[in-house]
Amino acid sequence: MRPAVTVTTGISAVIITLLALKPHQLPALDGVSRAPSASSGLRSTPSEGPSGGGSPGTGTFTGDPIDTPYGTVQVAATLAKGKLTAVKVLKAPNENGRDQQIADYALPRLSQEALGAQSAHIDAVSGASYTSQGYIQSLQSALDQAGA
């Protein structure tokens, strides 16, 4: 009888410990390099001029192209009075059918998340970690240009 109680207590302790663990954040991905940015002497400008009387944070802003192990990811963010209204994918990994399949699955979800969050602080899509990270970095650079 005593061994059964000890085993049950041990298993319960392990289960409680596992349930207490918090999920981790997506770490910066090794091997993902960033394309040249404004800090390296190249300057990015909005792809369209400000509209609506020139208010800040209004227009379409092109993010930096981000190189990933599977290809380049680049987005353009459209803002109206500082509010994110659309995200257009300009470049996506497409070297082979699998890359295209992953991009076709992940990029619309990432855009939907970004519009809902109104920022680049979104979760990566499972199975598309590198593409997600490239998308997030490119979107953040576009939002930085917009001053958002």
N, C-alpha and C. Protein backbone atom coordinates (compact mmCIF):
# COMPACT_ATOMS: atom_id res chain seq x y z
N MET A 1 0.82 -1.19 0.00
CA MET A 1 0.00 0.00 0.00
C MET A 1 0.87 1.26 0.00
N ARG A 2 1.95 1.26 0.74
CA ARG A 2 2.82 2.43 0.83
C ARG A 2 3.43 2.81 -0.53
N PRO A 3 3.93 1.87 -1.36
CA PRO A 3 4.49 2.24 -2.66
C PRO A 3 3.45 2.89 -3.57
N ALA A 4 2.22 2.46 -3.51
CA ALA A 4 1.18 3.04 -4.36
C ALA A 4 0.94 4.50 -3.99
N VAL A 5 0.93 4.80 -2.72
CA VAL A 5 0.75 6.18 -2.26
C VAL A 5 1.93 7.04 -2.70
N THR A 6 3.15 6.52 -2.58
CA THR A 6 4.35 7.26 -2.97
C THR A 6 4.34 7.55 -4.47
N VAL A 7 3.98 6.55 -5.28
CA VAL A 7 3.95 6.73 -6.73
C VAL A 7 2.88 7.75 -7.11
N THR A 8 1.71 7.63 -6.52
CA THR A 8 0.62 8.56 -6.81
C THR A 8 1.00 9.99 -6.43
N THR A 9 1.62 10.16 -5.29
CA THR A 9 2.05 11.48 -4.84
C THR A 9 3.10 12.05 -5.80
N GLY A 10 4.04 11.23 -6.22
CA GLY A 10 5.07 11.66 -7.16
C GLY A 10 4.50 12.08 -8.49
N ILE A 11 3.59 11.29 -9.02
CA ILE A 11 2.96 11.62 -10.30
C ILE A 11 2.17 12.91 -10.18
N SER A 12 1.45 13.09 -9.09
CA SER A 12 0.68 14.31 -8.88
C SER A 12 1.59 15.53 -8.83
N ALA A 13 2.73 15.40 -8.18
CA ALA A 13 3.68 16.51 -8.09
C ALA A 13 4.22 16.87 -9.46
N VAL A 14 4.52 15.88 -10.29
CA VAL A 14 5.01 16.14 -11.64
C VAL A 14 3.95 16.84 -12.48
N ILE A 15 2.72 16.39 -12.40
CA ILE A 15 1.63 17.00 -13.16
C ILE A 15 1.42 18.45 -12.74
N ILE A 16 1.42 18.72 -11.46
CA ILE A 16 1.24 20.09 -10.97
C ILE A 16 2.38 20.98 -11.44
N THR A 17 3.61 20.46 -11.41
CA THR A 17 4.76 21.23 -11.88
C THR A 17 4.64 21.55 -13.37
N LEU A 18 4.24 20.59 -14.18
CA LEU A 18 4.08 20.82 -15.61
C LEU A 18 2.98 21.83 -15.91
N LEU A 19 1.90 21.77 -15.17
CA LEU A 19 0.80 22.72 -15.37
C LEU A 19 1.19 24.14 -14.95
N ALA A 20 2.13 24.25 -14.04
CA ALA A 20 2.55 25.57 -13.56
C ALA A 20 3.51 26.27 -14.52
N LEU A 21 4.10 25.52 -15.46
CA LEU A 21 5.03 26.12 -16.40
C LEU A 21 4.30 27.07 -17.35
N LYS A 22 4.93 28.18 -17.65
CA LYS A 22 4.35 29.16 -18.56
C LYS A 22 4.90 28.91 -19.96
N PRO A 23 4.09 29.13 -20.99
CA PRO A 23 4.61 28.97 -22.35
C PRO A 23 5.69 30.01 -22.63
N HIS A 24 6.65 29.64 -23.43
CA HIS A 24 7.75 30.55 -23.74
C HIS A 24 7.43 31.39 -24.96
N GLN A 25 8.12 32.52 -25.07
CA GLN A 25 7.99 33.38 -26.23
C GLN A 25 8.86 32.85 -27.35
N LEU A 26 8.51 33.18 -28.59
CA LEU A 26 9.31 32.79 -29.73
C LEU A 26 10.64 33.54 -29.66
N PRO A 27 11.76 32.82 -29.56
CA PRO A 27 13.04 33.51 -29.48
C PRO A 27 13.42 34.07 -30.85
N ALA A 28 14.37 35.01 -30.84
CA ALA A 28 14.89 35.50 -32.11
C ALA A 28 15.50 34.32 -32.83
N LEU A 29 15.15 34.17 -34.07
CA LEU A 29 15.57 32.99 -34.81
C LEU A 29 17.00 33.14 -35.30
N ASP A 30 17.83 32.12 -35.03
CA ASP A 30 19.19 32.11 -35.52
C ASP A 30 19.15 31.94 -37.04
N GLY A 31 20.06 32.58 -37.72
CA GLY A 31 20.13 32.43 -39.16
C GLY A 31 19.24 33.39 -39.92
N VAL A 32 18.42 34.17 -39.22
CA VAL A 32 17.59 35.14 -39.90
C VAL A 32 18.35 36.44 -39.92
N SER A 33 18.68 36.90 -41.09
CA SER A 33 19.43 38.14 -41.19
C SER A 33 18.52 39.25 -41.64
N ARG A 34 18.85 40.43 -41.25
CA ARG A 34 18.05 41.59 -41.57
C ARG A 34 18.67 42.31 -42.75
N ALA A 35 17.85 42.73 -43.65
CA ALA A 35 18.34 43.48 -44.79
C ALA A 35 18.82 44.85 -44.32
N PRO A 36 19.61 45.57 -45.12
CA PRO A 36 20.07 46.89 -44.72
C PRO A 36 18.90 47.78 -44.36
N SER A 37 19.08 48.57 -43.32
CA SER A 37 18.00 49.43 -42.86
C SER A 37 18.47 50.87 -42.85
N ALA A 38 17.63 51.74 -42.33
CA ALA A 38 17.95 53.15 -42.29
C ALA A 38 19.23 53.42 -41.50
N SER A 39 19.52 52.60 -40.50
CA SER A 39 20.71 52.82 -39.70
C SER A 39 21.99 52.50 -40.47
N SER A 40 21.89 51.79 -41.58
CA SER A 40 23.09 51.46 -42.36
C SER A 40 23.29 52.44 -43.52
N GLY A 41 22.56 53.54 -43.50
CA GLY A 41 22.77 54.56 -44.51
C GLY A 41 21.69 54.56 -45.58
N LEU A 42 20.91 53.51 -45.71
CA LEU A 42 19.83 53.50 -46.69
C LEU A 42 18.60 54.09 -46.03
N ARG A 43 17.84 54.83 -46.79
CA ARG A 43 16.68 55.46 -46.25
C ARG A 43 15.41 54.91 -46.85
N SER A 44 14.44 54.60 -46.03
CA SER A 44 13.16 54.14 -46.53
C SER A 44 12.17 55.28 -46.43
N THR A 45 11.29 55.35 -47.39
CA THR A 45 10.27 56.39 -47.38
C THR A 45 8.93 55.73 -47.64
N PRO A 46 7.85 56.40 -47.30
CA PRO A 46 6.54 55.82 -47.57
C PRO A 46 6.38 55.56 -49.06
N SER A 47 5.71 54.46 -49.40
CA SER A 47 5.53 54.14 -50.81
C SER A 47 4.48 55.05 -51.43
N GLU A 48 3.65 55.65 -50.62
CA GLU A 48 2.70 56.65 -51.09
C GLU A 48 2.80 57.82 -50.14
N GLY A 49 2.59 58.98 -50.64
CA GLY A 49 2.65 60.15 -49.78
C GLY A 49 1.52 60.16 -48.79
N PRO A 50 1.66 60.94 -47.73
CA PRO A 50 0.58 61.04 -46.76
C PRO A 50 -0.70 61.53 -47.42
N SER A 51 -1.79 61.02 -46.96
CA SER A 51 -3.08 61.45 -47.48
C SER A 51 -3.90 62.02 -46.34
N GLY A 52 -5.03 62.56 -46.66
CA GLY A 52 -5.91 63.10 -45.63
C GLY A 52 -5.33 64.33 -44.95
N GLY A 53 -4.73 65.23 -45.73
CA GLY A 53 -4.23 66.46 -45.15
C GLY A 53 -2.86 66.32 -44.54
N GLY A 54 -2.15 65.24 -44.85
CA GLY A 54 -0.78 65.10 -44.37
C GLY A 54 -0.67 64.74 -42.91
N SER A 55 -1.70 64.15 -42.31
CA SER A 55 -1.59 63.80 -40.91
C SER A 55 -0.56 62.70 -40.71
N PRO A 56 0.15 62.76 -39.58
CA PRO A 56 1.18 61.76 -39.35
C PRO A 56 0.57 60.37 -39.21
N GLY A 57 1.32 59.37 -39.64
CA GLY A 57 0.83 58.00 -39.54
C GLY A 57 -0.25 57.68 -40.54
N THR A 58 -0.28 58.41 -41.66
CA THR A 58 -1.26 58.16 -42.70
C THR A 58 -0.53 57.90 -44.01
N GLY A 59 -0.87 56.81 -44.67
CA GLY A 59 -0.24 56.46 -45.93
C GLY A 59 0.11 54.98 -45.94
N THR A 60 0.84 54.60 -46.98
CA THR A 60 1.31 53.22 -47.09
C THR A 60 2.81 53.23 -46.94
N PHE A 61 3.31 52.42 -46.04
CA PHE A 61 4.72 52.40 -45.69
C PHE A 61 5.28 51.01 -45.98
N THR A 62 6.38 50.96 -46.73
CA THR A 62 6.99 49.69 -47.12
C THR A 62 8.01 49.28 -46.08
N GLY A 63 7.86 48.07 -45.56
CA GLY A 63 8.80 47.55 -44.57
C GLY A 63 10.08 47.07 -45.22
N ASP A 64 11.11 46.88 -44.40
CA ASP A 64 12.38 46.35 -44.89
C ASP A 64 12.17 44.93 -45.41
N PRO A 65 12.89 44.54 -46.47
CA PRO A 65 12.87 43.13 -46.87
C PRO A 65 13.70 42.32 -45.87
N ILE A 66 13.14 41.26 -45.35
CA ILE A 66 13.80 40.44 -44.34
C ILE A 66 14.14 39.08 -44.96
N ASP A 67 15.42 38.77 -44.95
CA ASP A 67 15.87 37.49 -45.49
C ASP A 67 15.70 36.40 -44.44
N THR A 68 15.10 35.29 -44.86
CA THR A 68 14.95 34.11 -44.00
C THR A 68 15.61 32.94 -44.72
N PRO A 69 15.80 31.83 -44.04
CA PRO A 69 16.40 30.67 -44.71
C PRO A 69 15.60 30.17 -45.92
N TYR A 70 14.33 30.55 -46.01
CA TYR A 70 13.48 30.06 -47.09
C TYR A 70 13.14 31.11 -48.12
N GLY A 71 13.61 32.34 -47.93
CA GLY A 71 13.35 33.41 -48.88
C GLY A 71 13.07 34.71 -48.16
N THR A 72 12.88 35.75 -48.94
CA THR A 72 12.67 37.09 -48.41
C THR A 72 11.19 37.34 -48.12
N VAL A 73 10.95 38.04 -47.01
CA VAL A 73 9.59 38.45 -46.65
C VAL A 73 9.59 39.97 -46.56
N GLN A 74 8.61 40.60 -47.21
CA GLN A 74 8.48 42.06 -47.15
C GLN A 74 7.00 42.41 -47.20
N VAL A 75 6.60 43.37 -46.38
CA VAL A 75 5.21 43.80 -46.34
C VAL A 75 5.12 45.32 -46.45
N ALA A 76 3.94 45.79 -46.80
CA ALA A 76 3.63 47.21 -46.80
C ALA A 76 2.42 47.39 -45.90
N ALA A 77 2.52 48.36 -44.99
CA ALA A 77 1.43 48.62 -44.05
C ALA A 77 0.73 49.92 -44.43
N THR A 78 -0.58 49.88 -44.47
CA THR A 78 -1.38 51.07 -44.75
C THR A 78 -2.00 51.54 -43.45
N LEU A 79 -1.78 52.82 -43.14
CA LEU A 79 -2.31 53.41 -41.93
C LEU A 79 -3.17 54.62 -42.26
N ALA A 80 -4.19 54.83 -41.48
CA ALA A 80 -5.03 56.01 -41.59
C ALA A 80 -5.11 56.63 -40.20
N LYS A 81 -4.52 57.81 -40.06
CA LYS A 81 -4.49 58.52 -38.78
C LYS A 81 -3.92 57.64 -37.67
N GLY A 82 -2.86 56.91 -37.99
CA GLY A 82 -2.18 56.08 -37.01
C GLY A 82 -2.79 54.71 -36.79
N LYS A 83 -3.90 54.41 -37.47
CA LYS A 83 -4.56 53.12 -37.31
C LYS A 83 -4.21 52.22 -38.48
N LEU A 84 -3.76 51.00 -38.18
CA LEU A 84 -3.41 50.02 -39.21
C LEU A 84 -4.69 49.55 -39.89
N THR A 85 -4.79 49.80 -41.22
CA THR A 85 -6.00 49.44 -41.95
C THR A 85 -5.79 48.29 -42.92
N ALA A 86 -4.54 48.05 -43.35
CA ALA A 86 -4.26 46.95 -44.28
C ALA A 86 -2.79 46.60 -44.23
N VAL A 87 -2.50 45.34 -44.50
CA VAL A 87 -1.12 44.87 -44.65
C VAL A 87 -1.07 44.08 -45.94
N LYS A 88 -0.18 44.50 -46.85
CA LYS A 88 -0.03 43.81 -48.13
C LYS A 88 1.33 43.12 -48.15
N VAL A 89 1.34 41.86 -48.52
CA VAL A 89 2.59 41.11 -48.62
C VAL A 89 3.19 41.39 -49.99
N LEU A 90 4.39 41.97 -50.00
CA LEU A 90 5.07 42.29 -51.25
C LEU A 90 5.98 41.16 -51.72
N LYS A 91 6.66 40.51 -50.77
CA LYS A 91 7.54 39.38 -51.09
C LYS A 91 7.31 38.28 -50.07
N ALA A 92 7.33 37.05 -50.56
CA ALA A 92 7.16 35.90 -49.68
C ALA A 92 8.00 34.75 -50.21
N PRO A 93 8.41 33.84 -49.34
CA PRO A 93 9.17 32.67 -49.80
C PRO A 93 8.36 31.89 -50.84
N ASN A 94 9.01 31.58 -51.99
CA ASN A 94 8.29 30.86 -53.04
C ASN A 94 9.24 30.02 -53.90
N GLU A 95 10.32 29.54 -53.31
CA GLU A 95 11.30 28.75 -54.06
C GLU A 95 10.73 27.43 -54.56
N ASN A 96 9.82 26.85 -53.81
CA ASN A 96 9.23 25.58 -54.23
C ASN A 96 7.77 25.52 -53.77
N GLY A 97 7.12 24.46 -54.11
CA GLY A 97 5.70 24.31 -53.77
C GLY A 97 5.42 24.34 -52.29
N ARG A 98 6.32 23.75 -51.50
CA ARG A 98 6.13 23.72 -50.05
C ARG A 98 6.23 25.13 -49.46
N ASP A 99 7.21 25.91 -49.93
CA ASP A 99 7.35 27.29 -49.47
C ASP A 99 6.09 28.09 -49.78
N GLN A 100 5.56 27.92 -50.98
CA GLN A 100 4.34 28.63 -51.38
C GLN A 100 3.16 28.19 -50.53
N GLN A 101 3.09 26.90 -50.24
CA GLN A 101 1.99 26.36 -49.44
C GLN A 101 2.03 26.95 -48.03
N ILE A 102 3.21 26.99 -47.44
CA ILE A 102 3.35 27.56 -46.09
C ILE A 102 3.00 29.03 -46.10
N ALA A 103 3.51 29.78 -47.08
CA ALA A 103 3.22 31.21 -47.17
C ALA A 103 1.72 31.46 -47.37
N ASP A 104 1.09 30.67 -48.25
CA ASP A 104 -0.35 30.83 -48.50
C ASP A 104 -1.18 30.57 -47.25
N TYR A 105 -0.68 29.70 -46.40
CA TYR A 105 -1.38 29.38 -45.15
C TYR A 105 -1.11 30.45 -44.08
N ALA A 106 0.16 30.82 -43.92
CA ALA A 106 0.56 31.66 -42.78
C ALA A 106 0.30 33.15 -42.98
N LEU A 107 0.59 33.68 -44.15
CA LEU A 107 0.56 35.13 -44.33
C LEU A 107 -0.82 35.76 -44.12
N PRO A 108 -1.91 35.17 -44.62
CA PRO A 108 -3.22 35.76 -44.32
C PRO A 108 -3.54 35.76 -42.82
N ARG A 109 -3.11 34.73 -42.12
CA ARG A 109 -3.35 34.67 -40.67
C ARG A 109 -2.55 35.75 -39.94
N LEU A 110 -1.31 35.93 -40.38
CA LEU A 110 -0.47 36.97 -39.77
C LEU A 110 -1.07 38.35 -40.02
N SER A 111 -1.55 38.59 -41.23
CA SER A 111 -2.18 39.89 -41.55
C SER A 111 -3.41 40.12 -40.69
N GLN A 112 -4.22 39.09 -40.55
CA GLN A 112 -5.43 39.20 -39.73
C GLN A 112 -5.07 39.49 -38.27
N GLU A 113 -4.05 38.82 -37.76
CA GLU A 113 -3.60 39.06 -36.38
C GLU A 113 -3.09 40.49 -36.21
N ALA A 114 -2.30 40.95 -37.19
CA ALA A 114 -1.72 42.29 -37.11
C ALA A 114 -2.83 43.35 -37.11
N LEU A 115 -3.82 43.18 -37.95
CA LEU A 115 -4.93 44.14 -37.98
C LEU A 115 -5.71 44.13 -36.67
N GLY A 116 -5.88 42.96 -36.10
CA GLY A 116 -6.57 42.86 -34.82
C GLY A 116 -5.78 43.47 -33.68
N ALA A 117 -4.47 43.24 -33.70
CA ALA A 117 -3.60 43.75 -32.63
C ALA A 117 -3.22 45.20 -32.85
N GLN A 118 -3.36 45.69 -34.08
CA GLN A 118 -2.94 47.05 -34.44
C GLN A 118 -1.46 47.27 -34.17
N SER A 119 -0.67 46.20 -34.33
CA SER A 119 0.77 46.29 -34.11
C SER A 119 1.45 45.05 -34.70
N ALA A 120 2.77 45.01 -34.56
CA ALA A 120 3.53 43.84 -35.01
C ALA A 120 3.75 42.87 -33.86
N HIS A 121 3.15 43.12 -32.72
CA HIS A 121 3.28 42.23 -31.57
C HIS A 121 2.23 41.13 -31.68
N ILE A 122 2.54 40.17 -32.54
CA ILE A 122 1.60 39.08 -32.82
C ILE A 122 2.32 37.75 -32.66
N ASP A 123 1.54 36.69 -32.56
CA ASP A 123 2.10 35.34 -32.43
C ASP A 123 2.50 34.80 -33.80
N ALA A 124 3.54 34.00 -33.81
CA ALA A 124 3.96 33.32 -35.03
C ALA A 124 2.98 32.21 -35.36
N VAL A 125 2.90 31.85 -36.62
CA VAL A 125 2.05 30.75 -37.06
C VAL A 125 2.86 29.46 -36.93
N SER A 126 2.28 28.48 -36.28
CA SER A 126 2.95 27.20 -36.09
C SER A 126 3.27 26.57 -37.45
N GLY A 127 4.51 26.12 -37.60
CA GLY A 127 4.94 25.52 -38.84
C GLY A 127 5.50 26.52 -39.84
N ALA A 128 5.43 27.79 -39.49
CA ALA A 128 5.94 28.85 -40.38
C ALA A 128 6.73 29.85 -39.54
N SER A 129 7.59 29.35 -38.69
CA SER A 129 8.31 30.21 -37.75
C SER A 129 9.18 31.25 -38.44
N TYR A 130 9.96 30.83 -39.43
CA TYR A 130 10.86 31.77 -40.11
C TYR A 130 10.08 32.80 -40.91
N THR A 131 9.06 32.35 -41.62
CA THR A 131 8.21 33.26 -42.38
C THR A 131 7.52 34.24 -41.45
N SER A 132 7.02 33.74 -40.32
CA SER A 132 6.36 34.60 -39.34
C SER A 132 7.31 35.66 -38.80
N GLN A 133 8.52 35.24 -38.45
CA GLN A 133 9.49 36.18 -37.90
C GLN A 133 9.86 37.25 -38.93
N GLY A 134 10.03 36.84 -40.19
CA GLY A 134 10.32 37.81 -41.25
C GLY A 134 9.18 38.79 -41.43
N TYR A 135 7.95 38.29 -41.40
CA TYR A 135 6.76 39.13 -41.53
C TYR A 135 6.70 40.15 -40.40
N ILE A 136 6.91 39.68 -39.19
CA ILE A 136 6.83 40.55 -38.01
C ILE A 136 7.89 41.64 -38.08
N GLN A 137 9.12 41.28 -38.46
CA GLN A 137 10.20 42.27 -38.54
C GLN A 137 9.94 43.29 -39.64
N SER A 138 9.45 42.85 -40.80
CA SER A 138 9.16 43.76 -41.89
C SER A 138 8.01 44.69 -41.52
N LEU A 139 6.98 44.15 -40.89
CA LEU A 139 5.84 44.96 -40.46
C LEU A 139 6.29 46.00 -39.43
N GLN A 140 7.13 45.59 -38.50
CA GLN A 140 7.60 46.54 -37.48
C GLN A 140 8.39 47.68 -38.12
N SER A 141 9.20 47.38 -39.13
CA SER A 141 9.96 48.45 -39.78
C SER A 141 9.03 49.41 -40.51
N ALA A 142 7.95 48.89 -41.11
CA ALA A 142 6.97 49.76 -41.77
C ALA A 142 6.26 50.64 -40.75
N LEU A 143 5.90 50.07 -39.60
CA LEU A 143 5.24 50.85 -38.56
C LEU A 143 6.19 51.89 -37.97
N ASP A 144 7.45 51.55 -37.86
CA ASP A 144 8.45 52.51 -37.36
C ASP A 144 8.53 53.72 -38.31
N GLN A 145 8.51 53.47 -39.61
CA GLN A 145 8.57 54.56 -40.59
C GLN A 145 7.34 55.45 -40.46
N ALA A 146 6.20 54.84 -40.15
CA ALA A 146 4.96 55.60 -40.04
C ALA A 146 4.89 56.39 -38.73
N GLY A 147 5.80 56.05 -37.81
CA GLY A 147 5.76 56.71 -36.51
C GLY A 147 4.67 56.14 -35.62
N ALA A 148 4.20 54.95 -35.97
CA ALA A 148 3.12 54.33 -35.20
C ALA A 148 3.66 53.44 -34.10
